[in-house]
Amino acid sequence: MSGKEKGEWILGTRATAWSLERARETIATSEEETANLRQKILVLENARITALQTSYPELELAVTFDNGCKLTVFSKPEEDTSLPYWELFAPSRMLVKVGPGAVWSYELIAD
């Protein structure tokens, strides 16, 4: 193993903006340097997810945590991209793929 921890559920984004907020204060955004992000996102350590919400047709994702933090993943409908806005890797090799556009899928990950 590469020394990285992975859970049963993994949220991934590619070429998609996101923000992490608590009590209307921005903690971190996708625009920041990686070195700065590592320290800032520690606020999520040991936090539990309390809610997931998505909107249609935008397909933005909001993840709420028990420590008052909220992660929002934004869609980019104005950009021409073939990349999904976000992906949720689920147990049993299942994948929820969202975007581009108002499209989503739930599929088995091939070996």
Protein backbone atom coordinates (compact mmCIF):
# COMPACT_ATOMS: atom_id res chain seq x y z
CA MET A 1 0.00 0.00 0.00
CA SER A 2 1.19 3.53 -0.74
CA GLY A 3 0.72 4.80 2.83
CA LYS A 4 -2.59 6.46 1.98
CA GLU A 5 -5.76 5.56 3.82
CA LYS A 6 -8.87 4.74 1.86
CA GLY A 7 -12.38 4.21 3.10
CA GLU A 8 -15.26 2.16 1.78
CA TRP A 9 -16.70 5.28 0.16
CA ILE A 10 -14.44 7.67 -1.78
CA LEU A 11 -15.50 11.01 -3.29
CA GLY A 12 -13.45 12.19 -6.24
CA THR A 13 -13.48 15.36 -8.31
CA ARG A 14 -11.55 16.29 -11.45
CA ALA A 15 -11.46 19.76 -12.96
CA THR A 16 -14.32 20.79 -10.66
CA ALA A 17 -14.36 23.66 -8.18
CA TRP A 18 -15.24 23.02 -4.54
CA SER A 19 -15.36 24.88 -1.23
CA LEU A 20 -15.26 23.84 2.41
CA GLU A 21 -17.11 26.14 4.81
CA ARG A 22 -18.19 26.30 8.43
CA ALA A 23 -20.59 28.87 9.85
CA ARG A 24 -20.42 30.93 6.64
CA GLU A 25 -16.63 31.10 6.86
CA THR A 26 -14.61 29.64 4.01
CA ILE A 27 -12.02 27.19 5.32
CA ALA A 28 -10.58 26.06 1.98
CA THR A 29 -11.29 26.04 -1.77
CA SER A 30 -10.06 24.17 -4.81
CA GLU A 31 -8.17 27.31 -5.88
CA GLU A 32 -5.59 27.03 -3.07
CA GLU A 33 -2.11 25.53 -3.21
CA THR A 34 -1.92 21.87 -2.20
CA ALA A 35 0.53 22.62 0.62
CA ASN A 36 -1.98 25.00 2.25
CA LEU A 37 -4.88 22.57 1.80
CA ARG A 38 -3.32 19.69 3.70
CA GLN A 39 -3.43 21.60 6.98
CA LYS A 40 -6.83 23.22 6.41
CA ILE A 41 -8.73 20.04 5.60
CA LEU A 42 -7.62 18.44 8.86
CA VAL A 43 -10.78 20.03 10.24
CA LEU A 44 -12.60 17.06 8.68
CA GLU A 45 -10.53 14.46 10.51
CA ASN A 46 -12.88 12.18 12.49
CA ALA A 47 -15.92 14.17 11.31
CA ARG A 48 -18.91 12.10 10.25
CA ILE A 49 -21.13 12.80 7.27
CA THR A 50 -24.65 13.74 8.36
CA ALA A 51 -26.20 14.58 4.98
CA LEU A 52 -25.65 14.46 1.24
CA GLN A 53 -27.66 16.67 -1.08
CA THR A 54 -27.56 17.25 -4.82
CA SER A 55 -29.51 19.60 -7.06
CA TYR A 56 -30.98 19.03 -10.50
CA PRO A 57 -30.16 19.93 -13.24
CA GLU A 58 -26.92 21.46 -11.88
CA LEU A 59 -25.87 18.25 -10.09
CA GLU A 60 -23.84 20.16 -7.53
CA LEU A 61 -23.09 18.16 -4.38
CA ALA A 62 -23.30 19.33 -0.76
CA VAL A 63 -21.82 17.13 1.99
CA THR A 64 -22.62 18.17 5.57
CA PHE A 65 -20.52 16.97 8.51
CA ASP A 66 -21.30 16.63 12.23
CA ASN A 67 -18.73 19.33 13.11
CA GLY A 68 -20.68 21.99 11.20
CA CYS A 69 -18.56 21.88 8.05
CA LYS A 70 -20.08 21.74 4.59
CA LEU A 71 -18.28 20.68 1.42
CA THR A 72 -19.83 21.90 -1.83
CA VAL A 73 -18.73 20.51 -5.20
CA PHE A 74 -19.80 22.77 -8.06
CA SER A 75 -20.67 21.70 -11.58
CA LYS A 76 -19.25 23.48 -14.61
CA PRO A 77 -22.01 23.28 -17.21
CA GLU A 78 -20.57 26.15 -19.25
CA GLU A 79 -17.29 24.32 -19.85
CA ASP A 80 -16.89 21.75 -22.59
CA THR A 81 -15.38 18.78 -20.82
CA SER A 82 -15.82 15.04 -20.95
CA LEU A 83 -14.83 14.66 -17.28
CA PRO A 84 -17.48 13.93 -14.64
CA TYR A 85 -18.13 16.74 -12.14
CA TRP A 86 -17.75 14.26 -9.29
CA GLU A 87 -17.60 10.52 -8.67
CA LEU A 88 -18.57 8.50 -5.62
CA PHE A 89 -16.83 5.14 -5.30
CA ALA A 90 -19.05 2.83 -3.26
CA PRO A 91 -18.52 -0.58 -1.66
CA SER A 92 -18.72 -3.70 -3.85
CA ARG A 93 -16.92 -1.95 -6.75
CA MET A 94 -19.84 0.34 -7.57
CA LEU A 95 -19.41 3.87 -8.93
CA VAL A 96 -21.77 6.84 -9.11
CA LYS A 97 -20.56 9.14 -11.91
CA VAL A 98 -22.13 12.61 -12.18
CA GLY A 99 -21.80 14.89 -15.22
CA PRO A 100 -20.88 16.35 -17.54
CA GLY A 101 -24.23 17.94 -18.15
CA ALA A 102 -27.38 16.72 -16.46
CA VAL A 103 -26.27 13.09 -16.71
CA TRP A 104 -25.39 10.54 -14.04
CA SER A 105 -24.77 6.80 -13.91
CA TYR A 106 -24.44 4.01 -11.35
CA GLU A 107 -22.18 1.26 -12.63
CA LEU A 108 -19.96 -1.66 -11.70
CA ILE A 109 -16.24 -0.90 -11.87
CA ALA A 110 -14.54 -3.38 -14.22
CA ASP A 111 -11.56 -5.40 -13.03
